[in-house]
Amino acid sequence: MQHLLKTIIPFAAAALLSSCAGNGNAEKNSGMEANHDHAAMEQTTTTANTKPVLKNDKLNAVYQHYIHLTAALTNGNEAEAKLAANAIEAGAKEVNGATAIVSSAAKITTASGIEAQRKWYEVMSNDMIALVKQEGLSNGELYIAYCPMAFNDKGASWISGSKAIRNPYFGEKMINCGGVKETIN
């Protein structure tokens, strides 16, 4: 019996490993990677399926953290929002014309509560929208999403890499509230 187990176990392990490796190759070959990162998911556009890239490399790096912040607020994750805002603050210090973004990011890192973070995110988003429009993209498209019900029906915008709405102002309460009001390309 032990001899049989010693013979079967290596074959079973090899079969299991080859099936896992085969699935990974199939995903790569089909052009679909198994990536569960919110930032990468946000970056996938629904039209051209190309990753948006800003012309300004330093602003592009800040935008990657902005995506992370958007996902954190959408998920109602206060701690993750603080981490993303801290990275935005550090990166935006290197971008000309991003002083207001630095200030908003600093406020998010010290804000107490997700609702306070969302308020400063709105201020940051308005400044990011203006700066991204000014600098432009070298690849892909970005979308200006708008939720008319945010902040007691005052409304608020944010930048998205996808036409699909995932509302950072309401999170799970009203995840699909809003729509795309503009495309930047």
C-alpha atoms as a PDB file:
ATOM      1  CA  MET A   1       0.000   0.000   0.000  1.00  0.00           C
ATOM      2  CA  GLN A   2       2.808   2.438   0.876  1.00  0.00           C
ATOM      3  CA  HIS A   3       4.528   1.633  -2.411  1.00  0.00           C
ATOM      4  CA  LEU A   4       1.307   2.437  -4.262  1.00  0.00           C
ATOM      5  CA  LEU A   5       0.936   5.805  -2.451  1.00  0.00           C
ATOM      6  CA  LYS A   6       4.579   6.676  -3.148  1.00  0.00           C
ATOM      7  CA  THR A   7       3.923   6.039  -6.829  1.00  0.00           C
ATOM      8  CA  ILE A   8       0.539   7.800  -7.103  1.00  0.00           C
ATOM      9  CA  ILE A   9       1.325  10.992  -5.119  1.00  0.00           C
ATOM     10  CA  PRO A  10       4.092  12.271  -7.461  1.00  0.00           C
ATOM     11  CA  PHE A  11       1.875  11.639 -10.507  1.00  0.00           C
ATOM     12  CA  ALA A  12      -1.086  13.386  -8.882  1.00  0.00           C
ATOM     13  CA  ALA A  13       1.098  16.375  -7.939  1.00  0.00           C
ATOM     14  CA  ALA A  14       2.498  16.570 -11.473  1.00  0.00           C
ATOM     15  CA  ALA A  15      -1.002  16.445 -12.962  1.00  0.00           C
ATOM     16  CA  LEU A  16      -2.212  19.175 -10.608  1.00  0.00           C
ATOM     17  CA  LEU A  17       0.750  21.426 -11.377  1.00  0.00           C
ATOM     18  CA  SER A  18       0.417  20.945 -15.117  1.00  0.00           C
ATOM     19  CA  SER A  19      -3.298  21.764 -15.010  1.00  0.00           C
ATOM     20  CA  CYS A  20      -2.570  24.983 -13.100  1.00  0.00           C
ATOM     21  CA  ALA A  21       0.194  25.935 -15.515  1.00  0.00           C
ATOM     22  CA  GLY A  22      -2.058  25.100 -18.430  1.00  0.00           C
ATOM     23  CA  ASN A  23      -4.782  27.429 -17.141  1.00  0.00           C
ATOM     24  CA  GLY A  24      -2.307  30.272 -16.766  1.00  0.00           C
ATOM     25  CA  ASN A  25      -1.076  29.778 -20.312  1.00  0.00           C
ATOM     26  CA  ALA A  26      -4.605  29.634 -21.641  1.00  0.00           C
ATOM     27  CA  GLU A  27      -5.371  32.957 -19.968  1.00  0.00           C
ATOM     28  CA  LYS A  28      -2.233  34.537 -21.375  1.00  0.00           C
ATOM     29  CA  ASN A  29      -2.906  33.128 -24.822  1.00  0.00           C
ATOM     30  CA  SER A  30      -6.461  34.422 -24.807  1.00  0.00           C
ATOM     31  CA  GLY A  31      -5.219  37.891 -23.864  1.00  0.00           C
ATOM     32  CA  MET A  32      -6.957  37.848 -20.497  1.00  0.00           C
ATOM     33  CA  GLU A  33      -4.799  37.948 -17.395  1.00  0.00           C
ATOM     34  CA  ALA A  34      -6.110  36.838 -14.026  1.00  0.00           C
ATOM     35  CA  ASN A  35      -5.620  40.160 -12.305  1.00  0.00           C
ATOM     36  CA  HIS A  36      -7.844  41.120  -9.418  1.00  0.00           C
ATOM     37  CA  ASP A  37      -6.215  44.482  -8.775  1.00  0.00           C
ATOM     38  CA  HIS A  38      -8.863  47.232  -8.651  1.00  0.00           C
ATOM     39  CA  ALA A  39      -6.564  49.719 -10.312  1.00  0.00           C
ATOM     40  CA  ALA A  40      -5.942  47.454 -13.271  1.00  0.00           C
ATOM     41  CA  MET A  41      -9.648  46.680 -13.572  1.00  0.00           C
ATOM     42  CA  GLU A  42     -10.445  50.393 -13.508  1.00  0.00           C
ATOM     43  CA  GLN A  43      -7.898  51.016 -16.255  1.00  0.00           C
ATOM     44  CA  THR A  44      -9.621  48.730 -18.766  1.00  0.00           C
ATOM     45  CA  THR A  45     -11.646  50.852 -21.148  1.00  0.00           C
ATOM     46  CA  THR A  46     -14.809  49.532 -22.682  1.00  0.00           C
ATOM     47  CA  THR A  47     -14.146  50.893 -26.148  1.00  0.00           C
ATOM     48  CA  ALA A  48     -10.591  50.283 -27.274  1.00  0.00           C
ATOM     49  CA  ASN A  49      -9.479  47.940 -24.467  1.00  0.00           C
ATOM     50  CA  THR A  50      -6.247  49.962 -24.182  1.00  0.00           C
ATOM     51  CA  LYS A  51      -4.695  51.296 -21.036  1.00  0.00           C
ATOM     52  CA  PRO A  52      -4.974  55.084 -20.739  1.00  0.00           C
ATOM     53  CA  VAL A  53      -1.575  56.752 -20.451  1.00  0.00           C
ATOM     54  CA  LEU A  54      -1.159  60.428 -19.650  1.00  0.00           C
ATOM     55  CA  LYS A  55       1.429  62.425 -21.588  1.00  0.00           C
ATOM     56  CA  ASN A  56       3.044  63.663 -18.372  1.00  0.00           C
ATOM     57  CA  ASP A  57       4.811  60.654 -16.805  1.00  0.00           C
ATOM     58  CA  LYS A  58       4.754  62.112 -13.285  1.00  0.00           C
ATOM     59  CA  LEU A  59       1.043  62.896 -13.527  1.00  0.00           C
ATOM     60  CA  ASN A  60       0.473  59.421 -14.961  1.00  0.00           C
ATOM     61  CA  ALA A  61       2.075  57.957 -11.819  1.00  0.00           C
ATOM     62  CA  VAL A  62      -0.191  60.122  -9.643  1.00  0.00           C
ATOM     63  CA  TYR A  63      -3.195  58.977 -11.676  1.00  0.00           C
ATOM     64  CA  GLN A  64      -2.367  55.341 -10.856  1.00  0.00           C
ATOM     65  CA  HIS A  65      -2.662  56.201  -7.154  1.00  0.00           C
ATOM     66  CA  TYR A  66      -5.850  58.168  -7.866  1.00  0.00           C
ATOM     67  CA  ILE A  67      -7.356  54.957  -9.292  1.00  0.00           C
ATOM     68  CA  HIS A  68      -6.323  53.178  -6.096  1.00  0.00           C
ATOM     69  CA  LEU A  69      -7.980  55.924  -4.019  1.00  0.00           C
ATOM     70  CA  THR A  70     -11.152  55.737  -6.110  1.00  0.00           C
ATOM     71  CA  ALA A  71     -11.352  51.975  -5.568  1.00  0.00           C
ATOM     72  CA  ALA A  72     -10.745  52.367  -1.821  1.00  0.00           C
ATOM     73  CA  LEU A  73     -13.545  54.922  -1.492  1.00  0.00           C
ATOM     74  CA  THR A  74     -15.857  52.830  -3.658  1.00  0.00           C
ATOM     75  CA  ASN A  75     -15.211  49.894  -1.329  1.00  0.00           C
ATOM     76  CA  GLY A  76     -15.604  52.054   1.796  1.00  0.00           C
ATOM     77  CA  ASN A  77     -12.045  51.270   2.915  1.00  0.00           C
ATOM     78  CA  GLU A  78     -10.851  54.252   4.969  1.00  0.00           C
ATOM     79  CA  ALA A  79      -7.385  52.836   5.729  1.00  0.00           C
ATOM     80  CA  GLU A  80      -6.698  51.980   2.080  1.00  0.00           C
ATOM     81  CA  ALA A  81      -7.878  55.459   1.052  1.00  0.00           C
ATOM     82  CA  LYS A  82      -5.330  56.985   3.425  1.00  0.00           C
ATOM     83  CA  LEU A  83      -2.531  54.899   1.895  1.00  0.00           C
ATOM     84  CA  ALA A  84      -3.504  55.906  -1.641  1.00  0.00           C
ATOM     85  CA  ALA A  85      -3.851  59.580  -0.685  1.00  0.00           C
ATOM     86  CA  ASN A  86      -0.424  59.490   0.945  1.00  0.00           C
ATOM     87  CA  ALA A  87       1.073  58.177  -2.314  1.00  0.00           C
ATOM     88  CA  ILE A  88      -0.802  60.861  -4.292  1.00  0.00           C
ATOM     89  CA  GLU A  89       0.524  63.558  -1.983  1.00  0.00           C
ATOM     90  CA  ALA A  90       4.127  62.382  -2.442  1.00  0.00           C
ATOM     91  CA  GLY A  91       3.828  61.993  -6.213  1.00  0.00           C
ATOM     92  CA  ALA A  92       1.904  65.202  -6.858  1.00  0.00           C
ATOM     93  CA  LYS A  93       4.674  67.234  -5.216  1.00  0.00           C
ATOM     94  CA  GLU A  94       6.709  66.389  -8.335  1.00  0.00           C
ATOM     95  CA  VAL A  95       4.030  67.586 -10.785  1.00  0.00           C
ATOM     96  CA  ASN A  96       3.869  71.205 -11.905  1.00  0.00           C
ATOM     97  CA  GLY A  97       0.489  72.740 -11.171  1.00  0.00           C
ATOM     98  CA  ALA A  98      -0.566  70.042  -8.689  1.00  0.00           C
ATOM     99  CA  THR A  99      -0.376  72.047  -5.456  1.00  0.00           C
ATOM    100  CA  ALA A 100      -4.126  71.772  -4.883  1.00  0.00           C
ATOM    101  CA  ILE A 101      -3.964  67.994  -5.394  1.00  0.00           C
ATOM    102  CA  VAL A 102      -1.174  67.773  -2.801  1.00  0.00           C
ATOM    103  CA  SER A 103      -3.342  69.725  -0.354  1.00  0.00           C
ATOM    104  CA  SER A 104      -6.449  67.578  -0.932  1.00  0.00           C
ATOM    105  CA  ALA A 105      -4.431  64.377  -0.592  1.00  0.00           C
ATOM    106  CA  ALA A 106      -3.005  65.576   2.727  1.00  0.00           C
ATOM    107  CA  LYS A 107      -6.545  66.296   3.968  1.00  0.00           C
ATOM    108  CA  ILE A 108      -7.664  62.778   2.995  1.00  0.00           C
ATOM    109  CA  THR A 109      -4.805  61.190   4.939  1.00  0.00           C
ATOM    110  CA  THR A 110      -5.800  63.087   8.097  1.00  0.00           C
ATOM    111  CA  ALA A 111      -9.575  62.949   7.632  1.00  0.00           C
ATOM    112  CA  SER A 112     -11.590  61.097  10.223  1.00  0.00           C
ATOM    113  CA  GLY A 113     -14.151  58.954   8.500  1.00  0.00           C
ATOM    114  CA  ILE A 114     -14.925  57.850   4.974  1.00  0.00           C
ATOM    115  CA  GLU A 115     -17.430  60.669   4.366  1.00  0.00           C
ATOM    116  CA  ALA A 116     -14.796  63.318   5.121  1.00  0.00           C
ATOM    117  CA  GLN A 117     -12.396  61.510   2.794  1.00  0.00           C
ATOM    118  CA  ARG A 118     -15.018  61.514   0.050  1.00  0.00           C
ATOM    119  CA  LYS A 119     -15.531  65.271   0.426  1.00  0.00           C
ATOM    120  CA  TRP A 120     -11.811  65.927  -0.069  1.00  0.00           C
ATOM    121  CA  TYR A 121     -11.775  63.409  -2.908  1.00  0.00           C
ATOM    122  CA  GLU A 122     -14.359  65.560  -4.678  1.00  0.00           C
ATOM    123  CA  VAL A 123     -12.064  68.599  -4.390  1.00  0.00           C
ATOM    124  CA  MET A 124      -9.115  66.517  -5.598  1.00  0.00           C
ATOM    125  CA  SER A 125     -11.116  65.071  -8.489  1.00  0.00           C
ATOM    126  CA  ASN A 126     -12.009  68.515  -9.794  1.00  0.00           C
ATOM    127  CA  ASP A 127      -8.323  69.481  -9.746  1.00  0.00           C
ATOM    128  CA  MET A 128      -7.265  66.165 -11.319  1.00  0.00           C
ATOM    129  CA  ILE A 129      -9.833  66.574 -14.091  1.00  0.00           C
ATOM    130  CA  ALA A 130      -8.510  70.043 -14.924  1.00  0.00           C
ATOM    131  CA  LEU A 131      -4.879  68.904 -14.877  1.00  0.00           C
ATOM    132  CA  VAL A 132      -5.498  65.752 -16.929  1.00  0.00           C
ATOM    133  CA  LYS A 133      -7.388  67.787 -19.539  1.00  0.00           C
ATOM    134  CA  GLN A 134      -4.525  70.277 -19.649  1.00  0.00           C
ATOM    135  CA  GLU A 135      -1.788  67.635 -19.963  1.00  0.00           C
ATOM    136  CA  GLY A 136      -3.675  65.207 -22.228  1.00  0.00           C
ATOM    137  CA  LEU A 137      -3.302  61.516 -22.961  1.00  0.00           C
ATOM    138  CA  SER A 138      -0.820  59.754 -25.194  1.00  0.00           C
ATOM    139  CA  ASN A 139      -2.876  56.542 -25.287  1.00  0.00           C
ATOM    140  CA  GLY A 140      -6.422  55.411 -24.570  1.00  0.00           C
ATOM    141  CA  GLU A 141      -9.383  57.285 -23.145  1.00  0.00           C
ATOM    142  CA  LEU A 142     -10.504  58.472 -19.743  1.00  0.00           C
ATOM    143  CA  TYR A 143     -14.043  59.287 -18.719  1.00  0.00           C
ATOM    144  CA  ILE A 144     -15.418  62.020 -16.523  1.00  0.00           C
ATOM    145  CA  ALA A 145     -18.155  60.343 -14.515  1.00  0.00           C
ATOM    146  CA  TYR A 146     -20.757  62.359 -12.655  1.00  0.00           C
ATOM    147  CA  CYS A 147     -23.127  61.507  -9.811  1.00  0.00           C
ATOM    148  CA  PRO A 148     -25.958  64.049  -9.547  1.00  0.00           C
ATOM    149  CA  MET A 149     -26.992  62.837  -6.083  1.00  0.00           C
ATOM    150  CA  ALA A 150     -23.626  63.213  -4.320  1.00  0.00           C
ATOM    151  CA  PHE A 151     -23.446  65.675  -1.457  1.00  0.00           C
ATOM    152  CA  ASN A 152     -27.185  66.267  -1.050  1.00  0.00           C
ATOM    153  CA  ASP A 153     -27.859  66.564  -4.776  1.00  0.00           C
ATOM    154  CA  LYS A 154     -25.035  69.044  -5.363  1.00  0.00           C
ATOM    155  CA  GLY A 155     -23.386  66.442  -7.584  1.00  0.00           C
ATOM    156  CA  ALA A 156     -19.762  65.437  -7.985  1.00  0.00           C
ATOM    157  CA  SER A 157     -17.424  64.180 -10.704  1.00  0.00           C
ATOM    158  CA  TRP A 158     -14.492  61.788 -10.847  1.00  0.00           C
ATOM    159  CA  ILE A 159     -12.121  60.328 -13.449  1.00  0.00           C
ATOM    160  CA  SER A 160     -12.647  56.749 -14.551  1.00  0.00           C
ATOM    161  CA  GLY A 161     -10.804  54.469 -16.941  1.00  0.00           C
ATOM    162  CA  SER A 162     -14.079  52.704 -17.721  1.00  0.00           C
ATOM    163  CA  LYS A 163     -17.553  53.698 -18.868  1.00  0.00           C
ATOM    164  CA  ALA A 164     -18.963  51.380 -16.222  1.00  0.00           C
ATOM    165  CA  ILE A 165     -20.042  53.381 -13.163  1.00  0.00           C
ATOM    166  CA  ARG A 166     -18.608  52.427  -9.771  1.00  0.00           C
ATOM    167  CA  ASN A 167     -19.516  55.357  -7.565  1.00  0.00           C
ATOM    168  CA  PRO A 168     -16.834  56.381  -5.019  1.00  0.00           C
ATOM    169  CA  TYR A 169     -19.181  58.869  -3.329  1.00  0.00           C
ATOM    170  CA  PHE A 170     -21.802  56.324  -2.267  1.00  0.00           C
ATOM    171  CA  GLY A 171     -19.928  53.036  -2.530  1.00  0.00           C
ATOM    172  CA  GLU A 172     -22.106  49.968  -2.109  1.00  0.00           C
ATOM    173  CA  LYS A 173     -25.156  52.060  -1.119  1.00  0.00           C
ATOM    174  CA  MET A 174     -25.556  53.320  -4.689  1.00  0.00           C
ATOM    175  CA  ILE A 175     -22.697  51.739  -6.637  1.00  0.00           C
ATOM    176  CA  ASN A 176     -24.174  52.461 -10.089  1.00  0.00           C
ATOM    177  CA  CYS A 177     -25.428  55.991  -9.446  1.00  0.00           C
ATOM    178  CA  GLY A 178     -24.195  58.366 -12.114  1.00  0.00           C
ATOM    179  CA  GLY A 179     -23.076  58.373 -15.699  1.00  0.00           C
ATOM    180  CA  VAL A 180     -20.300  59.397 -18.053  1.00  0.00           C
ATOM    181  CA  LYS A 181     -20.582  63.057 -19.009  1.00  0.00           C
ATOM    182  CA  GLU A 182     -17.349  63.499 -20.956  1.00  0.00           C
ATOM    183  CA  THR A 183     -14.524  61.588 -22.650  1.00  0.00           C
ATOM    184  CA  ILE A 184     -10.886  62.663 -22.589  1.00  0.00           C
ATOM    185  CA  ASN A 185      -8.696  61.270 -25.363  1.00  0.00           C
END
